[in-house]
Amino acid sequence: MPLIAPVVRSPTATDVARLLLASALWGSSFLCNAIALEDFAPVAIAGWRVSLAAVVVLLACRLRGLGVTLDRRVVVLFLSIGFLNGAAPFTLIGWGQLHVDTATASLLIAASPFATLLFSHFMTDDDRLTWRRLAGLVIGFGGVATLLGRGLAEGGGSLPGMLAIALAACCYAFSALLIRRLGEMSSLVVVAGTLSASTLMLLPVVLWTHPPWSQSAGAAPIAAVLFLSLGPTAAAYVLRARIVQTNGAVFMSGAGYLIPPFAMFWAWLFLGERPAGTALFALALIVAGLAIGRPRARRHSRASPV
């Protein structure tokens, strides 16, 4: 029986809370990546990140008795999402952060709403482009552009590194739409399947090029990789799958605007970096863009998948 994407509903307070939590976790990932890159190669960080997260989510599925019938369509979607949602962007972001500072890297992920808006308009029937959404995205991106301009003026990073991270953002956007094609499959099962696919792609490369028996790393980089696996990957990806299935890819793309402020907050909290006046102005634009672009309520809504 073909898998059909469920109809999205207007976001509730719980849905907004899920989006904020996922964004907070992803905002911390850039700081953790920077720490992990002190001793690990980008592909090694990506490989261990998805592998450990896959084990955790698979155990959660086993404890809850969750499973799925692996027909050809499901396997193809798992592999496609696993590449676009894990293997490719994690490696691209890690490589990009070798050439781009942490703040600039987090800002570039804000390119994802534009890609999501374009893909969603042509690939779905109920998550389409409207003038209201376009206005919100333009205003929100104005805030991101303000921060990005300051970062470039201060020598924030190289063009190849920035393009790699922007490409990662596009991968995230396209994968969000593919997740909807898995229908009302449990969020845990979706994440378990896609992370397992990412592991199959990355772990052999890591074991061949950066085997753990020849790897030496300090406590901080190891802790950073572990946190990346449990927080921004395992936990945040379950939240992401649930949000995409319930509220659609365009609502989920709002995380692209929330991630930079959270990244700045973590940098202030742990590194003592205080945001400049331009950052506060940009944050105001980002919040305004999210408020304006928020989808209007639908009269015929559906309960969220269990």
C-alpha atoms as a PDB file:
ATOM      1  CA  MET A   1       0.000   0.000   0.000  1.00  0.00           C
ATOM      2  CA  PRO A   2       1.567   3.358  -0.990  1.00  0.00           C
ATOM      3  CA  LEU A   3       2.673   5.677   1.756  1.00  0.00           C
ATOM      4  CA  ILE A   4       0.838   9.006   1.667  1.00  0.00           C
ATOM      5  CA  ALA A   5       2.003  12.148   3.445  1.00  0.00           C
ATOM      6  CA  PRO A   6      -0.435  13.132   6.222  1.00  0.00           C
ATOM      7  CA  VAL A   7      -2.218  16.482   6.085  1.00  0.00           C
ATOM      8  CA  VAL A   8      -0.352  19.061   8.135  1.00  0.00           C
ATOM      9  CA  ARG A   9      -2.074  21.010  10.918  1.00  0.00           C
ATOM     10  CA  SER A  10      -1.678  24.477  12.361  1.00  0.00           C
ATOM     11  CA  PRO A  11       1.066  24.464  15.042  1.00  0.00           C
ATOM     12  CA  THR A  12       0.030  24.372  18.692  1.00  0.00           C
ATOM     13  CA  ALA A  13       1.985  25.611  21.718  1.00  0.00           C
ATOM     14  CA  THR A  14       3.413  22.092  22.108  1.00  0.00           C
ATOM     15  CA  ASP A  15       4.568  22.081  18.499  1.00  0.00           C
ATOM     16  CA  VAL A  16       6.285  25.451  18.977  1.00  0.00           C
ATOM     17  CA  ALA A  17       7.988  24.109  22.125  1.00  0.00           C
ATOM     18  CA  ARG A  18       9.270  21.111  20.138  1.00  0.00           C
ATOM     19  CA  LEU A  19      10.641  23.457  17.478  1.00  0.00           C
ATOM     20  CA  LEU A  20      12.403  25.598  20.100  1.00  0.00           C
ATOM     21  CA  LEU A  21      13.948  22.555  21.808  1.00  0.00           C
ATOM     22  CA  ALA A  22      15.180  21.093  18.518  1.00  0.00           C
ATOM     23  CA  SER A  23      16.617  24.471  17.506  1.00  0.00           C
ATOM     24  CA  ALA A  24      18.386  24.840  20.859  1.00  0.00           C
ATOM     25  CA  LEU A  25      19.997  21.426  20.429  1.00  0.00           C
ATOM     26  CA  TRP A  26      21.073  22.163  16.857  1.00  0.00           C
ATOM     27  CA  GLY A  27      22.407  25.545  17.914  1.00  0.00           C
ATOM     28  CA  SER A  28      24.758  23.761  20.296  1.00  0.00           C
ATOM     29  CA  SER A  29      26.017  21.421  17.576  1.00  0.00           C
ATOM     30  CA  PHE A  30      28.262  24.070  15.976  1.00  0.00           C
ATOM     31  CA  LEU A  31      30.076  24.671  19.248  1.00  0.00           C
ATOM     32  CA  CYS A  32      30.482  20.910  19.743  1.00  0.00           C
ATOM     33  CA  ASN A  33      31.704  20.485  16.166  1.00  0.00           C
ATOM     34  CA  ALA A  34      34.377  23.115  16.722  1.00  0.00           C
ATOM     35  CA  ILE A  35      35.572  21.277  19.832  1.00  0.00           C
ATOM     36  CA  ALA A  36      35.480  17.852  18.177  1.00  0.00           C
ATOM     37  CA  LEU A  37      37.443  19.098  15.142  1.00  0.00           C
ATOM     38  CA  GLU A  38      40.455  19.592  17.430  1.00  0.00           C
ATOM     39  CA  ASP A  39      41.099  15.818  17.274  1.00  0.00           C
ATOM     40  CA  PHE A  40      38.628  14.300  14.787  1.00  0.00           C
ATOM     41  CA  ALA A  41      38.320  14.606  11.004  1.00  0.00           C
ATOM     42  CA  PRO A  42      34.948  15.861   9.657  1.00  0.00           C
ATOM     43  CA  VAL A  43      33.951  12.466   8.250  1.00  0.00           C
ATOM     44  CA  ALA A  44      34.907  10.775  11.527  1.00  0.00           C
ATOM     45  CA  ILE A  45      32.721  13.163  13.530  1.00  0.00           C
ATOM     46  CA  ALA A  46      29.834  12.527  11.149  1.00  0.00           C
ATOM     47  CA  GLY A  47      30.337   8.754  11.204  1.00  0.00           C
ATOM     48  CA  TRP A  48      30.520   8.347  14.985  1.00  0.00           C
ATOM     49  CA  ARG A  49      27.712  10.850  15.442  1.00  0.00           C
ATOM     50  CA  VAL A  50      25.199   8.905  13.334  1.00  0.00           C
ATOM     51  CA  SER A  51      26.409   5.486  14.477  1.00  0.00           C
ATOM     52  CA  LEU A  52      26.033   6.146  18.201  1.00  0.00           C
ATOM     53  CA  ALA A  53      22.727   7.930  17.679  1.00  0.00           C
ATOM     54  CA  ALA A  54      21.419   5.024  15.597  1.00  0.00           C
ATOM     55  CA  VAL A  55      22.208   2.567  18.399  1.00  0.00           C
ATOM     56  CA  VAL A  56      20.348   4.720  20.948  1.00  0.00           C
ATOM     57  CA  VAL A  57      17.243   5.163  18.777  1.00  0.00           C
ATOM     58  CA  LEU A  58      17.177   1.491  17.734  1.00  0.00           C
ATOM     59  CA  LEU A  59      17.257   0.487  21.412  1.00  0.00           C
ATOM     60  CA  ALA A  60      14.374   2.882  22.100  1.00  0.00           C
ATOM     61  CA  CYS A  61      12.368   1.293  19.280  1.00  0.00           C
ATOM     62  CA  ARG A  62      13.106  -2.176  20.649  1.00  0.00           C
ATOM     63  CA  LEU A  63      11.994  -1.209  24.166  1.00  0.00           C
ATOM     64  CA  ARG A  64       8.743   0.239  22.801  1.00  0.00           C
ATOM     65  CA  GLY A  65       8.126  -2.682  20.468  1.00  0.00           C
ATOM     66  CA  LEU A  66       8.179  -0.503  17.351  1.00  0.00           C
ATOM     67  CA  GLY A  67       8.996  -1.846  13.913  1.00  0.00           C
ATOM     68  CA  VAL A  68       8.313  -1.363  10.208  1.00  0.00           C
ATOM     69  CA  THR A  69       7.899  -3.535   7.128  1.00  0.00           C
ATOM     70  CA  LEU A  70      10.857  -2.853   4.864  1.00  0.00           C
ATOM     71  CA  ASP A  71       9.461  -2.847   1.334  1.00  0.00           C
ATOM     72  CA  ARG A  72      11.360  -1.345  -1.594  1.00  0.00           C
ATOM     73  CA  ARG A  73       9.773   2.116  -1.233  1.00  0.00           C
ATOM     74  CA  VAL A  74      10.610   2.387   2.469  1.00  0.00           C
ATOM     75  CA  VAL A  75      14.206   1.244   1.937  1.00  0.00           C
ATOM     76  CA  VAL A  76      14.745   3.798  -0.852  1.00  0.00           C
ATOM     77  CA  LEU A  77      13.317   6.582   1.302  1.00  0.00           C
ATOM     78  CA  PHE A  78      15.421   5.559   4.313  1.00  0.00           C
ATOM     79  CA  LEU A  79      18.571   5.578   2.174  1.00  0.00           C
ATOM     80  CA  SER A  80      17.719   8.906   0.522  1.00  0.00           C
ATOM     81  CA  ILE A  81      16.843  10.613   3.814  1.00  0.00           C
ATOM     82  CA  GLY A  82      19.844   9.028   5.516  1.00  0.00           C
ATOM     83  CA  PHE A  83      22.131  10.593   2.921  1.00  0.00           C
ATOM     84  CA  LEU A  84      20.436  14.016   2.818  1.00  0.00           C
ATOM     85  CA  ASN A  85      19.672  14.274   6.529  1.00  0.00           C
ATOM     86  CA  GLY A  86      22.842  12.813   8.010  1.00  0.00           C
ATOM     87  CA  ALA A  87      25.746  11.563   5.926  1.00  0.00           C
ATOM     88  CA  ALA A  88      26.036  14.524   3.541  1.00  0.00           C
ATOM     89  CA  PRO A  89      25.196  17.549   5.754  1.00  0.00           C
ATOM     90  CA  PHE A  90      27.154  16.358   8.796  1.00  0.00           C
ATOM     91  CA  THR A  91      30.268  15.869   6.672  1.00  0.00           C
ATOM     92  CA  LEU A  92      29.771  19.140   4.784  1.00  0.00           C
ATOM     93  CA  ILE A  93      29.252  21.170   7.966  1.00  0.00           C
ATOM     94  CA  GLY A  94      32.278  19.570   9.624  1.00  0.00           C
ATOM     95  CA  TRP A  95      34.461  20.343   6.608  1.00  0.00           C
ATOM     96  CA  GLY A  96      33.016  23.838   6.347  1.00  0.00           C
ATOM     97  CA  GLN A  97      33.842  24.578   9.969  1.00  0.00           C
ATOM     98  CA  LEU A  98      37.499  23.957   9.186  1.00  0.00           C
ATOM     99  CA  HIS A  99      37.320  27.155   7.129  1.00  0.00           C
ATOM    100  CA  VAL A 100      34.409  29.096   8.694  1.00  0.00           C
ATOM    101  CA  ASP A 101      33.961  30.227  12.279  1.00  0.00           C
ATOM    102  CA  THR A 102      31.225  28.787  14.476  1.00  0.00           C
ATOM    103  CA  ALA A 103      28.875  31.786  14.363  1.00  0.00           C
ATOM    104  CA  THR A 104      29.016  32.100  10.584  1.00  0.00           C
ATOM    105  CA  ALA A 105      28.403  28.366  10.177  1.00  0.00           C
ATOM    106  CA  SER A 106      25.224  28.547  12.223  1.00  0.00           C
ATOM    107  CA  LEU A 107      23.992  31.542  10.209  1.00  0.00           C
ATOM    108  CA  LEU A 108      24.437  29.771   6.891  1.00  0.00           C
ATOM    109  CA  ILE A 109      22.037  27.029   7.963  1.00  0.00           C
ATOM    110  CA  ALA A 110      19.353  29.720   7.762  1.00  0.00           C
ATOM    111  CA  ALA A 111      19.441  29.185   3.989  1.00  0.00           C
ATOM    112  CA  SER A 112      17.296  26.100   4.522  1.00  0.00           C
ATOM    113  CA  PRO A 113      13.907  27.920   4.648  1.00  0.00           C
ATOM    114  CA  PHE A 114      14.381  29.203   1.093  1.00  0.00           C
ATOM    115  CA  ALA A 115      15.159  25.745  -0.237  1.00  0.00           C
ATOM    116  CA  THR A 116      12.299  24.265   1.785  1.00  0.00           C
ATOM    117  CA  LEU A 117       9.895  26.883   0.461  1.00  0.00           C
ATOM    118  CA  LEU A 118      10.840  26.099  -3.144  1.00  0.00           C
ATOM    119  CA  PHE A 119      10.825  22.303  -2.789  1.00  0.00           C
ATOM    120  CA  SER A 120       7.627  22.253  -0.732  1.00  0.00           C
ATOM    121  CA  HIS A 121       5.715  24.380  -3.231  1.00  0.00           C
ATOM    122  CA  PHE A 122       6.328  21.859  -6.032  1.00  0.00           C
ATOM    123  CA  MET A 123       6.338  18.604  -4.029  1.00  0.00           C
ATOM    124  CA  THR A 124       3.288  18.941  -1.734  1.00  0.00           C
ATOM    125  CA  ASP A 125      -0.371  19.936  -2.061  1.00  0.00           C
ATOM    126  CA  ASP A 126      -0.921  21.421   1.407  1.00  0.00           C
ATOM    127  CA  ASP A 127       2.353  23.196   2.230  1.00  0.00           C
ATOM    128  CA  ARG A 128       2.422  25.780  -0.540  1.00  0.00           C
ATOM    129  CA  LEU A 129       3.987  29.182  -1.085  1.00  0.00           C
ATOM    130  CA  THR A 130       1.887  32.167   0.017  1.00  0.00           C
ATOM    131  CA  TRP A 131       2.628  35.897   0.076  1.00  0.00           C
ATOM    132  CA  ARG A 132       2.424  35.827   3.879  1.00  0.00           C
ATOM    133  CA  ARG A 133       5.053  33.100   4.152  1.00  0.00           C
ATOM    134  CA  LEU A 134       7.259  34.773   1.568  1.00  0.00           C
ATOM    135  CA  ALA A 135       7.124  38.072   3.474  1.00  0.00           C
ATOM    136  CA  GLY A 136       8.047  36.338   6.735  1.00  0.00           C
ATOM    137  CA  LEU A 137      10.950  34.509   5.117  1.00  0.00           C
ATOM    138  CA  VAL A 138      12.300  37.679   3.483  1.00  0.00           C
ATOM    139  CA  ILE A 139      12.162  39.628   6.762  1.00  0.00           C
ATOM    140  CA  GLY A 140      13.710  36.758   8.706  1.00  0.00           C
ATOM    141  CA  PHE A 141      16.480  36.316   6.174  1.00  0.00           C
ATOM    142  CA  GLY A 142      17.144  40.041   6.430  1.00  0.00           C
ATOM    143  CA  GLY A 143      18.191  39.371  10.020  1.00  0.00           C
ATOM    144  CA  VAL A 144      20.407  36.485   8.969  1.00  0.00           C
ATOM    145  CA  ALA A 145      21.958  38.609   6.200  1.00  0.00           C
ATOM    146  CA  THR A 146      22.716  41.351   8.742  1.00  0.00           C
ATOM    147  CA  LEU A 147      24.666  38.918  10.889  1.00  0.00           C
ATOM    148  CA  LEU A 148      26.319  37.275   7.919  1.00  0.00           C
ATOM    149  CA  GLY A 149      27.435  40.633   6.555  1.00  0.00           C
ATOM    150  CA  ARG A 150      29.067  41.469   9.868  1.00  0.00           C
ATOM    151  CA  GLY A 151      30.779  38.069   9.910  1.00  0.00           C
ATOM    152  CA  LEU A 152      32.156  38.541   6.408  1.00  0.00           C
ATOM    153  CA  ALA A 153      33.340  42.068   7.246  1.00  0.00           C
ATOM    154  CA  GLU A 154      35.257  40.630  10.167  1.00  0.00           C
ATOM    155  CA  GLY A 155      36.778  37.860   8.059  1.00  0.00           C
ATOM    156  CA  GLY A 156      34.312  35.196   9.121  1.00  0.00           C
ATOM    157  CA  GLY A 157      35.285  32.494   6.662  1.00  0.00           C
ATOM    158  CA  SER A 158      36.205  31.322   3.181  1.00  0.00           C
ATOM    159  CA  LEU A 159      33.822  30.991   0.247  1.00  0.00           C
ATOM    160  CA  PRO A 160      34.289  27.202  -0.218  1.00  0.00           C
ATOM    161  CA  GLY A 161      33.556  26.544   3.435  1.00  0.00           C
ATOM    162  CA  MET A 162      30.489  28.779   3.333  1.00  0.00           C
ATOM    163  CA  LEU A 163      29.180  27.089   0.189  1.00  0.00           C
ATOM    164  CA  ALA A 164      29.630  23.669   1.782  1.00  0.00           C
ATOM    165  CA  ILE A 165      27.483  24.670   4.764  1.00  0.00           C
ATOM    166  CA  ALA A 166      24.870  26.294   2.502  1.00  0.00           C
ATOM    167  CA  LEU A 167      24.709  23.038   0.523  1.00  0.00           C
ATOM    168  CA  ALA A 168      24.176  21.171   3.794  1.00  0.00           C
ATOM    169  CA  ALA A 169      21.223  23.466   4.505  1.00  0.00           C
ATOM    170  CA  CYS A 170      19.710  22.533   1.130  1.00  0.00           C
ATOM    171  CA  CYS A 171      20.156  18.843   1.955  1.00  0.00           C
ATOM    172  CA  TYR A 172      18.214  19.335   5.184  1.00  0.00           C
ATOM    173  CA  ALA A 173      15.438  21.123   3.304  1.00  0.00           C
ATOM    174  CA  PHE A 174      14.956  18.372   0.717  1.00  0.00           C
ATOM    175  CA  SER A 175      15.126  15.598   3.309  1.00  0.00           C
ATOM    176  CA  ALA A 176      12.318  17.238   5.311  1.00  0.00           C
ATOM    177  CA  LEU A 177       9.975  16.784   2.346  1.00  0.00           C
ATOM    178  CA  LEU A 178      11.030  13.159   1.876  1.00  0.00           C
ATOM    179  CA  ILE A 179      10.238  12.464   5.540  1.00  0.00           C
ATOM    180  CA  ARG A 180       6.612  13.398   4.873  1.00  0.00           C
ATOM    181  CA  ARG A 181       6.460  10.638   2.238  1.00  0.00           C
ATOM    182  CA  LEU A 182       6.905   8.083   5.011  1.00  0.00           C
ATOM    183  CA  GLY A 183       3.313   8.799   6.027  1.00  0.00           C
ATOM    184  CA  GLU A 184       2.299   8.382   9.657  1.00  0.00           C
ATOM    185  CA  MET A 185       5.162   6.077  10.537  1.00  0.00           C
ATOM    186  CA  SER A 186       6.341   6.529  14.135  1.00  0.00           C
ATOM    187  CA  SER A 187       8.918   9.299  14.496  1.00  0.00           C
ATOM    188  CA  LEU A 188      11.250   6.937  16.361  1.00  0.00           C
ATOM    189  CA  VAL A 189      11.093   4.408  13.519  1.00  0.00           C
ATOM    190  CA  VAL A 190      11.739   7.122  10.915  1.00  0.00           C
ATOM    191  CA  VAL A 191      14.838   8.308  12.763  1.00  0.00           C
ATOM    192  CA  ALA A 192      16.054   4.758  13.477  1.00  0.00           C
ATOM    193  CA  GLY A 193      15.773   3.822   9.812  1.00  0.00           C
ATOM    194  CA  THR A 194      17.405   6.967   8.439  1.00  0.00           C
ATOM    195  CA  LEU A 195      20.235   7.004  10.985  1.00  0.00           C
ATOM    196  CA  SER A 196      20.908   3.323  10.264  1.00  0.00           C
ATOM    197  CA  ALA A 197      21.136   4.199   6.570  1.00  0.00           C
ATOM    198  CA  SER A 198      23.554   7.046   7.356  1.00  0.00           C
ATOM    199  CA  THR A 199      25.645   4.637   9.431  1.00  0.00           C
ATOM    200  CA  LEU A 200      25.858   2.160   6.557  1.00  0.00           C
ATOM    201  CA  MET A 201      27.207   4.944   4.357  1.00  0.00           C
ATOM    202  CA  LEU A 202      29.675   6.532   6.761  1.00  0.00           C
ATOM    203  CA  LEU A 203      30.949   3.897   9.198  1.00  0.00           C
ATOM    204  CA  PRO A 204      32.893   1.823   6.593  1.00  0.00           C
ATOM    205  CA  VAL A 205      34.610   5.030   5.422  1.00  0.00           C
ATOM    206  CA  VAL A 206      35.504   5.983   9.000  1.00  0.00           C
ATOM    207  CA  LEU A 207      36.835   2.525   9.845  1.00  0.00           C
ATOM    208  CA  TRP A 208      38.960   2.560   6.690  1.00  0.00           C
ATOM    209  CA  THR A 209      40.310   6.113   6.844  1.00  0.00           C
ATOM    210  CA  HIS A 210      40.220   6.897  10.584  1.00  0.00           C
ATOM    211  CA  PRO A 211      40.106   3.600  12.532  1.00  0.00           C
ATOM    212  CA  PRO A 212      39.487   4.058  16.261  1.00  0.00           C
ATOM    213  CA  TRP A 213      42.490   1.912  17.210  1.00  0.00           C
ATOM    214  CA  SER A 214      44.789   4.502  15.622  1.00  0.00           C
ATOM    215  CA  GLN A 215      42.825   7.540  16.833  1.00  0.00           C
ATOM    216  CA  SER A 216      43.948   9.591  19.804  1.00  0.00           C
ATOM    217  CA  ALA A 217      41.607  12.212  21.210  1.00  0.00           C
ATOM    218  CA  GLY A 218      41.237  14.295  24.337  1.00  0.00           C
ATOM    219  CA  ALA A 219      38.354  14.203  26.782  1.00  0.00           C
ATOM    220  CA  ALA A 220      36.696  17.375  25.463  1.00  0.00           C
ATOM    221  CA  PRO A 221      36.505  16.274  21.776  1.00  0.00           C
ATOM    222  CA  ILE A 222      35.215  12.833  22.815  1.00  0.00           C
ATOM    223  CA  ALA A 223      32.561  14.421  25.049  1.00  0.00           C
ATOM    224  CA  ALA A 224      31.593  16.729  22.174  1.00  0.00           C
ATOM    225  CA  VAL A 225      31.055  13.775  19.818  1.00  0.00           C
ATOM    226  CA  LEU A 226      28.992  11.936  22.441  1.00  0.00           C
ATOM    227  CA  PHE A 227      26.789  14.981  23.004  1.00  0.00           C
ATOM    228  CA  LEU A 228      26.406  15.462  19.245  1.00  0.00           C
ATOM    229  CA  SER A 229      25.154  11.888  19.017  1.00  0.00           C
ATOM    230  CA  LEU A 230      22.656  12.020  21.886  1.00  0.00           C
ATOM    231  CA  GLY A 231      21.407  15.624  21.703  1.00  0.00           C
ATOM    232  CA  PRO A 232      21.513  17.291  18.261  1.00  0.00           C
ATOM    233  CA  THR A 233      21.190  13.921  16.469  1.00  0.00           C
ATOM    234  CA  ALA A 234      19.151  11.308  18.378  1.00  0.00           C
ATOM    235  CA  ALA A 235      16.854  13.591  20.382  1.00  0.00           C
ATOM    236  CA  ALA A 236      16.577  16.504  17.932  1.00  0.00           C
ATOM    237  CA  TYR A 237      15.962  14.264  14.922  1.00  0.00           C
ATOM    238  CA  VAL A 238      13.069  12.517  16.648  1.00  0.00           C
ATOM    239  CA  LEU A 239      11.619  15.971  17.332  1.00  0.00           C
ATOM    240  CA  ARG A 240      12.248  16.995  13.711  1.00  0.00           C
ATOM    241  CA  ALA A 241      10.498  13.951  12.253  1.00  0.00           C
ATOM    242  CA  ARG A 242       7.489  14.521  14.519  1.00  0.00           C
ATOM    243  CA  ILE A 243       7.280  18.221  13.573  1.00  0.00           C
ATOM    244  CA  VAL A 244       7.575  17.544   9.815  1.00  0.00           C
ATOM    245  CA  GLN A 245       4.888  14.851   9.940  1.00  0.00           C
ATOM    246  CA  THR A 246       2.550  16.994  12.035  1.00  0.00           C
ATOM    247  CA  ASN A 247       3.139  20.572  10.875  1.00  0.00           C
ATOM    248  CA  GLY A 248       4.946  20.297   7.550  1.00  0.00           C
ATOM    249  CA  ALA A 249       8.385  21.128   6.211  1.00  0.00           C
ATOM    250  CA  VAL A 250       7.809  24.881   5.963  1.00  0.00           C
ATOM    251  CA  PHE A 251       7.033  25.193   9.700  1.00  0.00           C
ATOM    252  CA  MET A 252      10.069  23.007  10.444  1.00  0.00           C
ATOM    253  CA  SER A 253      12.206  25.314   8.295  1.00  0.00           C
ATOM    254  CA  GLY A 254      11.665  27.999  10.956  1.00  0.00           C
ATOM    255  CA  ALA A 255      14.432  26.228  12.868  1.00  0.00           C
ATOM    256  CA  GLY A 256      16.823  27.752  10.346  1.00  0.00           C
ATOM    257  CA  TYR A 257      16.054  31.167  11.802  1.00  0.00           C
ATOM    258  CA  LEU A 258      16.136  29.997  15.422  1.00  0.00           C
ATOM    259  CA  ILE A 259      19.436  28.130  15.259  1.00  0.00           C
ATOM    260  CA  PRO A 260      21.685  31.247  14.908  1.00  0.00           C
ATOM    261  CA  PRO A 261      20.297  33.002  18.025  1.00  0.00           C
ATOM    262  CA  PHE A 262      20.665  29.784  20.021  1.00  0.00           C
ATOM    263  CA  ALA A 263      24.209  29.337  18.712  1.00  0.00           C
ATOM    264  CA  MET A 264      25.028  32.878  19.875  1.00  0.00           C
ATOM    265  CA  PHE A 265      23.461  32.145  23.254  1.00  0.00           C
ATOM    266  CA  TRP A 266      25.562  29.012  23.803  1.00  0.00           C
ATOM    267  CA  ALA A 267      28.682  30.916  22.714  1.00  0.00           C
ATOM    268  CA  TRP A 268      27.853  33.633  25.268  1.00  0.00           C
ATOM    269  CA  LEU A 269      27.085  31.104  27.994  1.00  0.00           C
ATOM    270  CA  PHE A 270      30.144  28.883  27.570  1.00  0.00           C
ATOM    271  CA  LEU A 271      32.674  31.153  25.850  1.00  0.00           C
ATOM    272  CA  GLY A 272      31.679  34.552  27.215  1.00  0.00           C
ATOM    273  CA  GLU A 273      31.086  35.981  23.722  1.00  0.00           C
ATOM    274  CA  ARG A 274      28.640  38.896  23.999  1.00  0.00           C
ATOM    275  CA  PRO A 275      26.377  39.650  20.991  1.00  0.00           C
ATOM    276  CA  ALA A 276      26.906  43.022  19.325  1.00  0.00           C
ATOM    277  CA  GLY A 277      24.161  45.531  18.595  1.00  0.00           C
ATOM    278  CA  THR A 278      23.853  44.258  15.025  1.00  0.00           C
ATOM    279  CA  ALA A 279      23.189  40.762  16.386  1.00  0.00           C
ATOM    280  CA  LEU A 280      20.332  42.017  18.546  1.00  0.00           C
ATOM    281  CA  PHE A 281      18.858  43.917  15.588  1.00  0.00           C
ATOM    282  CA  ALA A 282      19.122  40.786  13.451  1.00  0.00           C
ATOM    283  CA  LEU A 283      17.470  38.721  16.156  1.00  0.00           C
ATOM    284  CA  ALA A 284      14.506  41.130  16.152  1.00  0.00           C
ATOM    285  CA  LEU A 285      14.131  40.690  12.381  1.00  0.00           C
ATOM    286  CA  ILE A 286      14.302  36.908  12.719  1.00  0.00           C
ATOM    287  CA  VAL A 287      11.576  36.802  15.357  1.00  0.00           C
ATOM    288  CA  ALA A 288       9.411  39.188  13.284  1.00  0.00           C
ATOM    289  CA  GLY A 289       9.839  37.007  10.218  1.00  0.00           C
ATOM    290  CA  LEU A 290       8.753  33.907  12.119  1.00  0.00           C
ATOM    291  CA  ALA A 291       5.684  35.687  13.501  1.00  0.00           C
ATOM    292  CA  ILE A 292       4.588  37.029  10.108  1.00  0.00           C
ATOM    293  CA  GLY A 293       5.228  33.776   8.258  1.00  0.00           C
ATOM    294  CA  ARG A 294       3.460  31.570  10.810  1.00  0.00           C
ATOM    295  CA  PRO A 295       0.829  29.448   9.026  1.00  0.00           C
ATOM    296  CA  ARG A 296      -2.786  30.336   9.733  1.00  0.00           C
ATOM    297  CA  ALA A 297      -5.013  27.833  11.505  1.00  0.00           C
ATOM    298  CA  ARG A 298      -7.001  25.348   9.453  1.00  0.00           C
ATOM    299  CA  ARG A 299     -10.552  24.511  10.298  1.00  0.00           C
ATOM    300  CA  HIS A 300     -10.146  20.824   9.521  1.00  0.00           C
ATOM    301  CA  SER A 301      -7.081  19.760  11.490  1.00  0.00           C
ATOM    302  CA  ARG A 302      -5.828  16.317  12.254  1.00  0.00           C
ATOM    303  CA  ALA A 303      -4.450  14.899  15.438  1.00  0.00           C
ATOM    304  CA  SER A 304      -0.710  14.379  15.438  1.00  0.00           C
ATOM    305  CA  PRO A 305       0.550  10.870  14.648  1.00  0.00           C
ATOM    306  CA  VAL A 306       1.314   8.741  17.673  1.00  0.00           C
END
